[in-house]
Amino acid sequence: AADARRCLALLSGRRHRVYTAISVRAGETLWSRIVETHVGVKRLTDGQIETYLASGEWQGKAGGYAIQGRAAAFIPFISGSHSNVVGLPLYETAQLLRQ
């Protein structure tokens, strides 16, 4: 919880980038892609952070939040792949698999 609190405090009122590298291999051929998503987090009060931490949703989440859950209310801006922030950029992965 302390790490998640620190992450949320650092992200509060700022934009950050989420990167995921994906690769698909077929025999000797390897296709790779790095997906970048920009995420803006509204300024959070100490009370909002504590309420979020009490929900337990942050557990096991990079950056201390789950954009697909309650933390979506903290995100006024996203540019790029939403599923990348969740954990796997689905569109980009599907494109690699089609290749």
C-alpha atoms as a PDB file:
ATOM      1  CA  ALA A   1       0.000   0.000   0.000  1.00  0.00           C
ATOM      2  CA  ALA A   2       2.865   2.377   0.728  1.00  0.00           C
ATOM      3  CA  ASP A   3       4.310   1.867  -2.757  1.00  0.00           C
ATOM      4  CA  ALA A   4       0.895   2.367  -4.375  1.00  0.00           C
ATOM      5  CA  ARG A   5       0.348   5.532  -2.295  1.00  0.00           C
ATOM      6  CA  ARG A   6       3.728   6.862  -3.446  1.00  0.00           C
ATOM      7  CA  CYS A   7       2.953   6.033  -7.100  1.00  0.00           C
ATOM      8  CA  LEU A   8      -0.467   7.694  -6.980  1.00  0.00           C
ATOM      9  CA  ALA A   9       0.993  10.784  -5.316  1.00  0.00           C
ATOM     10  CA  LEU A  10       3.658  11.015  -8.034  1.00  0.00           C
ATOM     11  CA  LEU A  11       1.102  10.543 -10.836  1.00  0.00           C
ATOM     12  CA  SER A  12      -1.409  12.991  -9.340  1.00  0.00           C
ATOM     13  CA  GLY A  13      -1.976  15.997 -11.583  1.00  0.00           C
ATOM     14  CA  ARG A  14       0.492  14.789 -14.181  1.00  0.00           C
ATOM     15  CA  ARG A  15       0.735  12.853 -17.420  1.00  0.00           C
ATOM     16  CA  HIS A  16       2.811   9.740 -17.779  1.00  0.00           C
ATOM     17  CA  ARG A  17       3.588   7.163 -20.439  1.00  0.00           C
ATOM     18  CA  VAL A  18       2.914   3.446 -20.375  1.00  0.00           C
ATOM     19  CA  TYR A  19       5.104   1.247 -22.576  1.00  0.00           C
ATOM     20  CA  THR A  20       4.634  -2.406 -23.458  1.00  0.00           C
ATOM     21  CA  ALA A  21       6.905  -4.445 -25.711  1.00  0.00           C
ATOM     22  CA  ILE A  22       5.305  -7.358 -27.530  1.00  0.00           C
ATOM     23  CA  SER A  23       6.904 -10.002 -29.744  1.00  0.00           C
ATOM     24  CA  VAL A  24       5.636 -12.885 -31.833  1.00  0.00           C
ATOM     25  CA  ARG A  25       7.908 -15.565 -33.192  1.00  0.00           C
ATOM     26  CA  ALA A  26       7.199 -18.007 -36.012  1.00  0.00           C
ATOM     27  CA  GLY A  27      10.158 -20.282 -36.654  1.00  0.00           C
ATOM     28  CA  GLU A  28      13.156 -18.049 -37.157  1.00  0.00           C
ATOM     29  CA  THR A  29      11.085 -14.931 -37.821  1.00  0.00           C
ATOM     30  CA  LEU A  30      10.470 -12.505 -34.977  1.00  0.00           C
ATOM     31  CA  TRP A  31       8.101  -9.545 -35.112  1.00  0.00           C
ATOM     32  CA  SER A  32       8.230  -6.972 -32.310  1.00  0.00           C
ATOM     33  CA  ARG A  33       6.517  -3.755 -31.428  1.00  0.00           C
ATOM     34  CA  ILE A  34       6.665  -1.225 -28.616  1.00  0.00           C
ATOM     35  CA  VAL A  35       3.330   0.384 -27.761  1.00  0.00           C
ATOM     36  CA  GLU A  36       3.251   3.786 -26.052  1.00  0.00           C
ATOM     37  CA  THR A  37       0.196   5.281 -24.367  1.00  0.00           C
ATOM     38  CA  HIS A  38      -0.013   8.714 -22.728  1.00  0.00           C
ATOM     39  CA  VAL A  39      -2.187   8.895 -19.612  1.00  0.00           C
ATOM     40  CA  GLY A  40      -3.252  11.970 -17.648  1.00  0.00           C
ATOM     41  CA  VAL A  41      -4.235  11.664 -13.998  1.00  0.00           C
ATOM     42  CA  LYS A  42      -6.311  14.364 -12.335  1.00  0.00           C
ATOM     43  CA  ARG A  43      -4.992  16.008  -9.175  1.00  0.00           C
ATOM     44  CA  LEU A  44      -5.858  13.609  -6.368  1.00  0.00           C
ATOM     45  CA  THR A  45      -6.591  14.564  -2.790  1.00  0.00           C
ATOM     46  CA  ASP A  46      -5.118  12.572   0.068  1.00  0.00           C
ATOM     47  CA  GLY A  47      -8.656  11.379   0.795  1.00  0.00           C
ATOM     48  CA  GLN A  48      -9.151  10.094  -2.759  1.00  0.00           C
ATOM     49  CA  ILE A  49      -5.865   8.216  -2.597  1.00  0.00           C
ATOM     50  CA  GLU A  50      -6.723   6.679   0.777  1.00  0.00           C
ATOM     51  CA  THR A  51     -10.207   5.665  -0.380  1.00  0.00           C
ATOM     52  CA  TYR A  52      -8.729   4.052  -3.477  1.00  0.00           C
ATOM     53  CA  LEU A  53      -6.105   2.218  -1.438  1.00  0.00           C
ATOM     54  CA  ALA A  54      -8.811   0.948   0.935  1.00  0.00           C
ATOM     55  CA  SER A  55     -10.593  -0.626  -2.057  1.00  0.00           C
ATOM     56  CA  GLY A  56      -7.638  -2.966  -2.590  1.00  0.00           C
ATOM     57  CA  GLU A  57      -7.952  -2.578  -6.360  1.00  0.00           C
ATOM     58  CA  TRP A  58      -4.359  -1.324  -6.597  1.00  0.00           C
ATOM     59  CA  GLN A  59      -2.906  -4.677  -5.523  1.00  0.00           C
ATOM     60  CA  GLY A  60      -0.755  -6.256  -8.196  1.00  0.00           C
ATOM     61  CA  LYS A  61      -1.108  -3.264 -10.510  1.00  0.00           C
ATOM     62  CA  ALA A  62       1.841  -1.465 -12.076  1.00  0.00           C
ATOM     63  CA  GLY A  63       1.756   2.187 -11.092  1.00  0.00           C
ATOM     64  CA  GLY A  64      -0.635   1.440  -8.247  1.00  0.00           C
ATOM     65  CA  TYR A  65      -3.862   1.758 -10.242  1.00  0.00           C
ATOM     66  CA  ALA A  66      -6.233  -0.198 -12.473  1.00  0.00           C
ATOM     67  CA  ILE A  67      -7.514   1.996 -15.308  1.00  0.00           C
ATOM     68  CA  GLN A  68     -10.234  -0.581 -16.056  1.00  0.00           C
ATOM     69  CA  GLY A  69     -11.718  -0.206 -12.583  1.00  0.00           C
ATOM     70  CA  ARG A  70     -12.389   2.546 -10.060  1.00  0.00           C
ATOM     71  CA  ALA A  71      -9.287   4.470 -11.086  1.00  0.00           C
ATOM     72  CA  ALA A  72     -10.943   5.255 -14.443  1.00  0.00           C
ATOM     73  CA  ALA A  73     -12.563   8.158 -12.584  1.00  0.00           C
ATOM     74  CA  PHE A  74      -9.060   9.616 -12.102  1.00  0.00           C
ATOM     75  CA  ILE A  75      -8.174   9.628 -15.825  1.00  0.00           C
ATOM     76  CA  PRO A  76      -9.311  12.709 -17.789  1.00  0.00           C
ATOM     77  CA  PHE A  77      -6.894  12.076 -20.661  1.00  0.00           C
ATOM     78  CA  ILE A  78      -5.607   9.072 -22.586  1.00  0.00           C
ATOM     79  CA  SER A  79      -3.889   9.005 -25.942  1.00  0.00           C
ATOM     80  CA  GLY A  80      -3.131   5.622 -27.405  1.00  0.00           C
ATOM     81  CA  SER A  81      -4.111   2.104 -26.494  1.00  0.00           C
ATOM     82  CA  HIS A  82      -6.387   1.699 -23.466  1.00  0.00           C
ATOM     83  CA  SER A  83      -5.686  -2.056 -23.382  1.00  0.00           C
ATOM     84  CA  ASN A  84      -1.957  -1.260 -23.228  1.00  0.00           C
ATOM     85  CA  VAL A  85      -2.527   0.447 -19.879  1.00  0.00           C
ATOM     86  CA  VAL A  86      -4.613  -2.528 -18.710  1.00  0.00           C
ATOM     87  CA  GLY A  87      -1.672  -4.797 -19.475  1.00  0.00           C
ATOM     88  CA  LEU A  88      -1.722  -6.091 -23.062  1.00  0.00           C
ATOM     89  CA  PRO A  89      -2.174  -3.944 -26.174  1.00  0.00           C
ATOM     90  CA  LEU A  90      -4.781  -6.112 -27.857  1.00  0.00           C
ATOM     91  CA  TYR A  91      -5.015  -4.397 -31.248  1.00  0.00           C
ATOM     92  CA  GLU A  92      -1.261  -4.353 -31.732  1.00  0.00           C
ATOM     93  CA  THR A  93      -0.925  -7.964 -30.561  1.00  0.00           C
ATOM     94  CA  ALA A  94      -3.620  -9.065 -33.008  1.00  0.00           C
ATOM     95  CA  GLN A  95      -1.799  -7.229 -35.820  1.00  0.00           C
ATOM     96  CA  LEU A  96       1.436  -9.064 -35.032  1.00  0.00           C
ATOM     97  CA  LEU A  97      -0.374 -12.406 -34.926  1.00  0.00           C
ATOM     98  CA  ARG A  98      -1.913 -11.726 -38.368  1.00  0.00           C
ATOM     99  CA  GLN A  99       1.566 -11.221 -39.805  1.00  0.00           C
END
